[in-house]
Amino acid sequence: MRKLGRKHQSQAGKELKILVKTFTKSTKNIFYRELHNWYLKHQDFLNERSDIANERGYFPYKHRNIRGAYASLKRYHDYLFTFEKYPELNIERTTNRAESLFKDLKQKLNNHNGLTKKHKLMFIKDFLNKKSY
């Protein structure tokens, strides 16, 4: 989402952003089939190169952010749907709960900024034990 921005100018960027937003509601096979269809539709657009060479004489791709977002989805293909791979672990589809937990931990640790490393570890262990119930 970071590479796609808030309001993308190109149709390919807009469609990829919509596709990425369906990520938490779809399965691995459906998501990557849709991603592949998106790539086939916008392949010529993604392969456009600049008319002006850079300092090394290389003609870079025009749409680096969209290409980067697509490449990132392809690269982390094995990790994005880990929750489907191990259903017995009951892994959630999003990291919202973990991020909330870490935010709460950081806020509580900030109140005790004079703790030694040993006492910080004790504090964190106690905090996590209380949250695990």
C-alpha atoms as a PDB file:
ATOM      1  CA  MET A   1       0.000   0.000   0.000  1.00  0.00           C
ATOM      2  CA  ARG A   2       2.918   2.341   0.708  1.00  0.00           C
ATOM      3  CA  LYS A   3       4.133   2.220  -2.896  1.00  0.00           C
ATOM      4  CA  LEU A   4       0.649   2.729  -4.313  1.00  0.00           C
ATOM      5  CA  GLY A   5      -0.027   6.000  -2.511  1.00  0.00           C
ATOM      6  CA  ARG A   6      -3.322   7.521  -1.498  1.00  0.00           C
ATOM      7  CA  LYS A   7      -4.701   8.465  -4.913  1.00  0.00           C
ATOM      8  CA  HIS A   8      -2.932   6.780  -7.756  1.00  0.00           C
ATOM      9  CA  GLN A   9      -2.970   8.496 -11.144  1.00  0.00           C
ATOM     10  CA  SER A  10      -2.854   5.447 -13.419  1.00  0.00           C
ATOM     11  CA  GLN A  11      -5.614   2.931 -13.991  1.00  0.00           C
ATOM     12  CA  ALA A  12      -3.173   0.083 -13.285  1.00  0.00           C
ATOM     13  CA  GLY A  13      -2.310   1.575  -9.894  1.00  0.00           C
ATOM     14  CA  LYS A  14      -5.954   2.075  -8.994  1.00  0.00           C
ATOM     15  CA  GLU A  15      -6.826  -1.508  -9.937  1.00  0.00           C
ATOM     16  CA  LEU A  16      -3.836  -2.934  -8.047  1.00  0.00           C
ATOM     17  CA  LYS A  17      -4.818  -0.969  -4.950  1.00  0.00           C
ATOM     18  CA  ILE A  18      -8.370  -2.347  -5.127  1.00  0.00           C
ATOM     19  CA  LEU A  19      -6.949  -5.847  -5.541  1.00  0.00           C
ATOM     20  CA  VAL A  20      -4.635  -5.449  -2.540  1.00  0.00           C
ATOM     21  CA  LYS A  21      -7.545  -4.269  -0.388  1.00  0.00           C
ATOM     22  CA  THR A  22      -9.300  -7.613  -1.066  1.00  0.00           C
ATOM     23  CA  PHE A  23      -6.266  -9.449   0.306  1.00  0.00           C
ATOM     24  CA  THR A  24      -7.695 -10.136   3.780  1.00  0.00           C
ATOM     25  CA  LYS A  25     -10.956 -11.498   2.391  1.00  0.00           C
ATOM     26  CA  SER A  26      -9.614 -13.805  -0.331  1.00  0.00           C
ATOM     27  CA  THR A  27      -7.700 -17.066  -0.475  1.00  0.00           C
ATOM     28  CA  LYS A  28      -4.178 -17.528  -1.788  1.00  0.00           C
ATOM     29  CA  ASN A  29      -5.260 -19.137  -5.067  1.00  0.00           C
ATOM     30  CA  ILE A  30      -7.934 -16.563  -5.830  1.00  0.00           C
ATOM     31  CA  PHE A  31      -5.704 -13.609  -4.907  1.00  0.00           C
ATOM     32  CA  TYR A  32      -2.765 -14.727  -7.038  1.00  0.00           C
ATOM     33  CA  ARG A  33      -5.029 -15.645  -9.966  1.00  0.00           C
ATOM     34  CA  GLU A  34      -6.461 -12.123  -9.851  1.00  0.00           C
ATOM     35  CA  LEU A  35      -2.961 -10.663  -9.490  1.00  0.00           C
ATOM     36  CA  HIS A  36      -1.772 -12.611 -12.536  1.00  0.00           C
ATOM     37  CA  ASN A  37      -4.795 -11.429 -14.546  1.00  0.00           C
ATOM     38  CA  TRP A  38      -4.009  -7.855 -13.476  1.00  0.00           C
ATOM     39  CA  TYR A  39      -0.398  -8.292 -14.618  1.00  0.00           C
ATOM     40  CA  LEU A  40      -1.426  -9.686 -18.008  1.00  0.00           C
ATOM     41  CA  LYS A  41      -3.823  -6.777 -18.504  1.00  0.00           C
ATOM     42  CA  HIS A  42      -1.236  -4.113 -17.638  1.00  0.00           C
ATOM     43  CA  GLN A  43       1.957  -5.813 -18.814  1.00  0.00           C
ATOM     44  CA  ASP A  44       2.679  -3.276 -21.571  1.00  0.00           C
ATOM     45  CA  PHE A  45       2.117  -0.382 -19.163  1.00  0.00           C
ATOM     46  CA  LEU A  46       4.476  -1.894 -16.571  1.00  0.00           C
ATOM     47  CA  ASN A  47       7.215  -2.489 -19.144  1.00  0.00           C
ATOM     48  CA  GLU A  48       7.269   1.125 -20.365  1.00  0.00           C
ATOM     49  CA  ARG A  49      10.701   2.694 -20.125  1.00  0.00           C
ATOM     50  CA  SER A  50      11.746   6.292 -19.855  1.00  0.00           C
ATOM     51  CA  ASP A  51      12.745   8.178 -23.017  1.00  0.00           C
ATOM     52  CA  ILE A  52      15.639   9.791 -21.185  1.00  0.00           C
ATOM     53  CA  ALA A  53      18.667   7.727 -20.176  1.00  0.00           C
ATOM     54  CA  ASN A  54      20.085   8.049 -16.681  1.00  0.00           C
ATOM     55  CA  GLU A  55      23.752   8.804 -15.907  1.00  0.00           C
ATOM     56  CA  ARG A  56      24.790   5.215 -16.692  1.00  0.00           C
ATOM     57  CA  GLY A  57      23.061   5.223 -20.068  1.00  0.00           C
ATOM     58  CA  TYR A  58      20.277   2.971 -18.856  1.00  0.00           C
ATOM     59  CA  PHE A  59      16.633   3.669 -19.652  1.00  0.00           C
ATOM     60  CA  PRO A  60      14.792   3.022 -16.352  1.00  0.00           C
ATOM     61  CA  TYR A  61      11.219   1.826 -16.047  1.00  0.00           C
ATOM     62  CA  LYS A  62       8.635   4.606 -15.836  1.00  0.00           C
ATOM     63  CA  HIS A  63       6.314   3.166 -13.208  1.00  0.00           C
ATOM     64  CA  ARG A  64       8.723   2.079 -10.481  1.00  0.00           C
ATOM     65  CA  ASN A  65       6.253   2.227  -7.598  1.00  0.00           C
ATOM     66  CA  ILE A  66       3.622   0.050  -9.241  1.00  0.00           C
ATOM     67  CA  ARG A  67       6.291  -2.382 -10.412  1.00  0.00           C
ATOM     68  CA  GLY A  68       7.720  -2.454  -6.888  1.00  0.00           C
ATOM     69  CA  ALA A  69       4.332  -3.153  -5.308  1.00  0.00           C
ATOM     70  CA  TYR A  70       3.721  -5.990  -7.772  1.00  0.00           C
ATOM     71  CA  ALA A  71       7.219  -7.406  -7.254  1.00  0.00           C
ATOM     72  CA  SER A  72       6.755  -7.283  -3.492  1.00  0.00           C
ATOM     73  CA  LEU A  73       3.517  -9.267  -3.724  1.00  0.00           C
ATOM     74  CA  LYS A  74       5.252 -11.840  -5.908  1.00  0.00           C
ATOM     75  CA  ARG A  75       8.399 -12.015  -3.743  1.00  0.00           C
ATOM     76  CA  TYR A  76       6.544 -12.603  -0.472  1.00  0.00           C
ATOM     77  CA  HIS A  77       4.101 -15.031  -2.039  1.00  0.00           C
ATOM     78  CA  ASP A  78       5.063 -17.830   0.392  1.00  0.00           C
ATOM     79  CA  TYR A  79       4.670 -15.702   3.523  1.00  0.00           C
ATOM     80  CA  LEU A  80       1.542 -13.639   2.896  1.00  0.00           C
ATOM     81  CA  PHE A  81      -0.874 -16.532   3.287  1.00  0.00           C
ATOM     82  CA  THR A  82       0.852 -18.398   6.133  1.00  0.00           C
ATOM     83  CA  PHE A  83      -2.437 -18.471   8.035  1.00  0.00           C
ATOM     84  CA  GLU A  84      -3.837 -20.782   5.335  1.00  0.00           C
ATOM     85  CA  LYS A  85      -0.806 -23.047   5.372  1.00  0.00           C
ATOM     86  CA  TYR A  86      -1.109 -23.805   9.102  1.00  0.00           C
ATOM     87  CA  PRO A  87      -4.822 -23.724  10.002  1.00  0.00           C
ATOM     88  CA  GLU A  88      -4.221 -25.643  13.248  1.00  0.00           C
ATOM     89  CA  LEU A  89      -2.310 -22.637  14.659  1.00  0.00           C
ATOM     90  CA  ASN A  90      -5.319 -20.310  14.272  1.00  0.00           C
ATOM     91  CA  ILE A  91      -3.179 -17.498  12.847  1.00  0.00           C
ATOM     92  CA  GLU A  92      -5.168 -14.357  12.123  1.00  0.00           C
ATOM     93  CA  ARG A  93      -5.381 -12.879   8.641  1.00  0.00           C
ATOM     94  CA  THR A  94      -4.139  -9.453   9.738  1.00  0.00           C
ATOM     95  CA  THR A  95      -1.536  -8.179  12.180  1.00  0.00           C
ATOM     96  CA  ASN A  96      -3.889  -5.651  13.777  1.00  0.00           C
ATOM     97  CA  ARG A  97      -4.068  -7.418  17.137  1.00  0.00           C
ATOM     98  CA  ALA A  98      -0.274  -7.835  17.382  1.00  0.00           C
ATOM     99  CA  GLU A  99       0.312  -4.188  16.432  1.00  0.00           C
ATOM    100  CA  SER A 100      -2.170  -3.099  19.093  1.00  0.00           C
ATOM    101  CA  LEU A 101      -0.411  -5.235  21.691  1.00  0.00           C
ATOM    102  CA  PHE A 102       3.013  -3.794  20.830  1.00  0.00           C
ATOM    103  CA  LYS A 103       1.675  -0.241  20.886  1.00  0.00           C
ATOM    104  CA  ASP A 104       0.264  -0.813  24.365  1.00  0.00           C
ATOM    105  CA  LEU A 105       3.561  -2.356  25.506  1.00  0.00           C
ATOM    106  CA  LYS A 106       5.578   0.606  24.163  1.00  0.00           C
ATOM    107  CA  GLN A 107       3.325   3.095  25.935  1.00  0.00           C
ATOM    108  CA  LYS A 108       3.654   1.280  29.237  1.00  0.00           C
ATOM    109  CA  LEU A 109       7.434   0.942  28.855  1.00  0.00           C
ATOM    110  CA  ASN A 110       7.735   4.670  28.099  1.00  0.00           C
ATOM    111  CA  ASN A 111       6.284   5.412  31.526  1.00  0.00           C
ATOM    112  CA  HIS A 112       9.158   3.443  33.066  1.00  0.00           C
ATOM    113  CA  ASN A 113      12.079   4.686  30.997  1.00  0.00           C
ATOM    114  CA  GLY A 114      14.649   4.327  33.801  1.00  0.00           C
ATOM    115  CA  LEU A 115      14.503   0.542  33.971  1.00  0.00           C
ATOM    116  CA  THR A 116      17.638  -1.536  33.550  1.00  0.00           C
ATOM    117  CA  LYS A 117      17.737  -4.147  30.797  1.00  0.00           C
ATOM    118  CA  LYS A 118      17.056  -6.925  33.315  1.00  0.00           C
ATOM    119  CA  HIS A 119      14.032  -5.129  34.745  1.00  0.00           C
ATOM    120  CA  LYS A 120      12.733  -4.272  31.268  1.00  0.00           C
ATOM    121  CA  LEU A 121      12.781  -7.954  30.356  1.00  0.00           C
ATOM    122  CA  MET A 122      10.916  -8.812  33.543  1.00  0.00           C
ATOM    123  CA  PHE A 123       8.375  -6.079  32.792  1.00  0.00           C
ATOM    124  CA  ILE A 124       7.849  -7.344  29.226  1.00  0.00           C
ATOM    125  CA  LYS A 125       7.463 -10.971  30.354  1.00  0.00           C
ATOM    126  CA  ASP A 126       4.940  -9.957  32.996  1.00  0.00           C
ATOM    127  CA  PHE A 127       3.054  -7.778  30.496  1.00  0.00           C
ATOM    128  CA  LEU A 128       2.837 -10.587  27.931  1.00  0.00           C
ATOM    129  CA  ASN A 129       1.802 -13.135  30.563  1.00  0.00           C
ATOM    130  CA  LYS A 130      -1.063 -10.905  31.681  1.00  0.00           C
ATOM    131  CA  LYS A 131      -2.196 -10.375  28.077  1.00  0.00           C
ATOM    132  CA  SER A 132      -2.150 -14.076  27.249  1.00  0.00           C
ATOM    133  CA  TYR A 133      -5.188 -14.844  29.439  1.00  0.00           C
END
